[in-house]
Amino acid sequence: MIQIRILVVTSFYPPECTGGNEFGCHDFVEALKARGHQVRVLTGTFGAFREGENKEVRRLLITGSKETA
């Protein structure tokens, strides 16, 4: 199987969630990783870095033309 590098861009991502879409996205990411793909997640800063997150989840806030991470 060919390993694919995948970037998932989403507004919210666990552990901070507002509904079922975030859990579905997480399950999708985990399924891709289980198949051997390299997956990274780019999401908003809602609930910025929490204990238990890893380097595969990057939270980024972009306001206007300036970037804050």
C-alpha atoms as a PDB file:
ATOM      1  CA  MET A   1       0.000   0.000   0.000  1.00  0.00           C
ATOM      2  CA  ILE A   2       1.207   3.494  -0.811  1.00  0.00           C
ATOM      3  CA  GLN A   3       1.480   5.851   2.181  1.00  0.00           C
ATOM      4  CA  ILE A   4      -0.230   9.164   1.464  1.00  0.00           C
ATOM      5  CA  ARG A   5       0.431  12.411   3.324  1.00  0.00           C
ATOM      6  CA  ILE A   6      -2.933  14.008   4.152  1.00  0.00           C
ATOM      7  CA  LEU A   7      -3.791  17.383   5.686  1.00  0.00           C
ATOM      8  CA  VAL A   8      -7.267  17.633   7.223  1.00  0.00           C
ATOM      9  CA  VAL A   9      -8.516  21.215   7.678  1.00  0.00           C
ATOM     10  CA  THR A  10     -11.425  21.657  10.067  1.00  0.00           C
ATOM     11  CA  SER A  11     -12.874  24.413  12.259  1.00  0.00           C
ATOM     12  CA  PHE A  12     -13.007  22.300  15.412  1.00  0.00           C
ATOM     13  CA  TYR A  13     -11.265  19.111  16.489  1.00  0.00           C
ATOM     14  CA  PRO A  14     -11.333  17.061  19.692  1.00  0.00           C
ATOM     15  CA  PRO A  15     -10.839  17.351  22.579  1.00  0.00           C
ATOM     16  CA  GLU A  16     -12.831  20.601  22.200  1.00  0.00           C
ATOM     17  CA  CYS A  17     -16.047  19.792  20.364  1.00  0.00           C
ATOM     18  CA  THR A  18     -19.367  21.394  19.630  1.00  0.00           C
ATOM     19  CA  GLY A  19     -21.098  18.389  18.075  1.00  0.00           C
ATOM     20  CA  GLY A  20     -20.896  15.141  16.194  1.00  0.00           C
ATOM     21  CA  ASN A  21     -18.981  16.461  13.174  1.00  0.00           C
ATOM     22  CA  GLU A  22     -15.809  16.812  15.234  1.00  0.00           C
ATOM     23  CA  PHE A  23     -16.022  13.208  16.430  1.00  0.00           C
ATOM     24  CA  GLY A  24     -16.661  12.046  12.864  1.00  0.00           C
ATOM     25  CA  CYS A  25     -13.594  13.935  11.671  1.00  0.00           C
ATOM     26  CA  HIS A  26     -11.507  12.402  14.457  1.00  0.00           C
ATOM     27  CA  ASP A  27     -12.729   8.901  13.566  1.00  0.00           C
ATOM     28  CA  PHE A  28     -11.912   9.549   9.897  1.00  0.00           C
ATOM     29  CA  VAL A  29      -8.374  10.712  10.795  1.00  0.00           C
ATOM     30  CA  GLU A  30      -7.816   7.657  12.995  1.00  0.00           C
ATOM     31  CA  ALA A  31      -9.056   5.324  10.226  1.00  0.00           C
ATOM     32  CA  LEU A  32      -6.639   6.873   7.726  1.00  0.00           C
ATOM     33  CA  LYS A  33      -3.764   6.529  10.208  1.00  0.00           C
ATOM     34  CA  ALA A  34      -4.698   2.892  10.841  1.00  0.00           C
ATOM     35  CA  ARG A  35      -4.315   2.290   7.095  1.00  0.00           C
ATOM     36  CA  GLY A  36      -0.757   3.607   7.292  1.00  0.00           C
ATOM     37  CA  HIS A  37      -1.240   7.143   5.982  1.00  0.00           C
ATOM     38  CA  GLN A  38       0.519  10.155   7.490  1.00  0.00           C
ATOM     39  CA  VAL A  39      -2.252  12.500   8.660  1.00  0.00           C
ATOM     40  CA  ARG A  40      -1.994  16.018  10.096  1.00  0.00           C
ATOM     41  CA  VAL A  41      -4.873  18.178  11.320  1.00  0.00           C
ATOM     42  CA  LEU A  42      -5.049  21.966  10.965  1.00  0.00           C
ATOM     43  CA  THR A  43      -7.776  23.500  13.100  1.00  0.00           C
ATOM     44  CA  GLY A  44      -8.781  26.699  14.888  1.00  0.00           C
ATOM     45  CA  THR A  45      -7.564  27.843  18.284  1.00  0.00           C
ATOM     46  CA  PHE A  46     -10.822  27.088  20.090  1.00  0.00           C
ATOM     47  CA  GLY A  47      -9.625  25.271  23.215  1.00  0.00           C
ATOM     48  CA  ALA A  48      -5.987  25.951  22.296  1.00  0.00           C
ATOM     49  CA  PHE A  49      -3.434  23.264  23.107  1.00  0.00           C
ATOM     50  CA  ARG A  50      -4.630  20.859  25.724  1.00  0.00           C
ATOM     51  CA  GLU A  51      -2.712  18.158  27.531  1.00  0.00           C
ATOM     52  CA  GLY A  52      -2.839  14.976  25.526  1.00  0.00           C
ATOM     53  CA  GLU A  53      -2.604  16.618  22.109  1.00  0.00           C
ATOM     54  CA  ASN A  54       0.304  15.721  19.920  1.00  0.00           C
ATOM     55  CA  LYS A  55       2.329  17.092  17.027  1.00  0.00           C
ATOM     56  CA  GLU A  56      -0.256  15.784  14.552  1.00  0.00           C
ATOM     57  CA  VAL A  57      -2.747  18.480  15.596  1.00  0.00           C
ATOM     58  CA  ARG A  58      -1.844  22.103  14.843  1.00  0.00           C
ATOM     59  CA  ARG A  59      -4.092  24.885  16.086  1.00  0.00           C
ATOM     60  CA  LEU A  60      -3.783  28.167  14.230  1.00  0.00           C
ATOM     61  CA  LEU A  61      -5.493  31.542  14.482  1.00  0.00           C
ATOM     62  CA  ILE A  62      -5.379  33.831  11.462  1.00  0.00           C
ATOM     63  CA  THR A  63      -6.702  37.374  11.834  1.00  0.00           C
ATOM     64  CA  GLY A  64      -6.491  39.692   8.866  1.00  0.00           C
ATOM     65  CA  SER A  65      -3.037  39.418   7.341  1.00  0.00           C
ATOM     66  CA  LYS A  66      -1.215  38.446  10.544  1.00  0.00           C
ATOM     67  CA  GLU A  67      -0.741  34.903  11.812  1.00  0.00           C
ATOM     68  CA  THR A  68      -0.681  33.896  15.490  1.00  0.00           C
ATOM     69  CA  ALA A  69       0.031  30.380  16.637  1.00  0.00           C
END
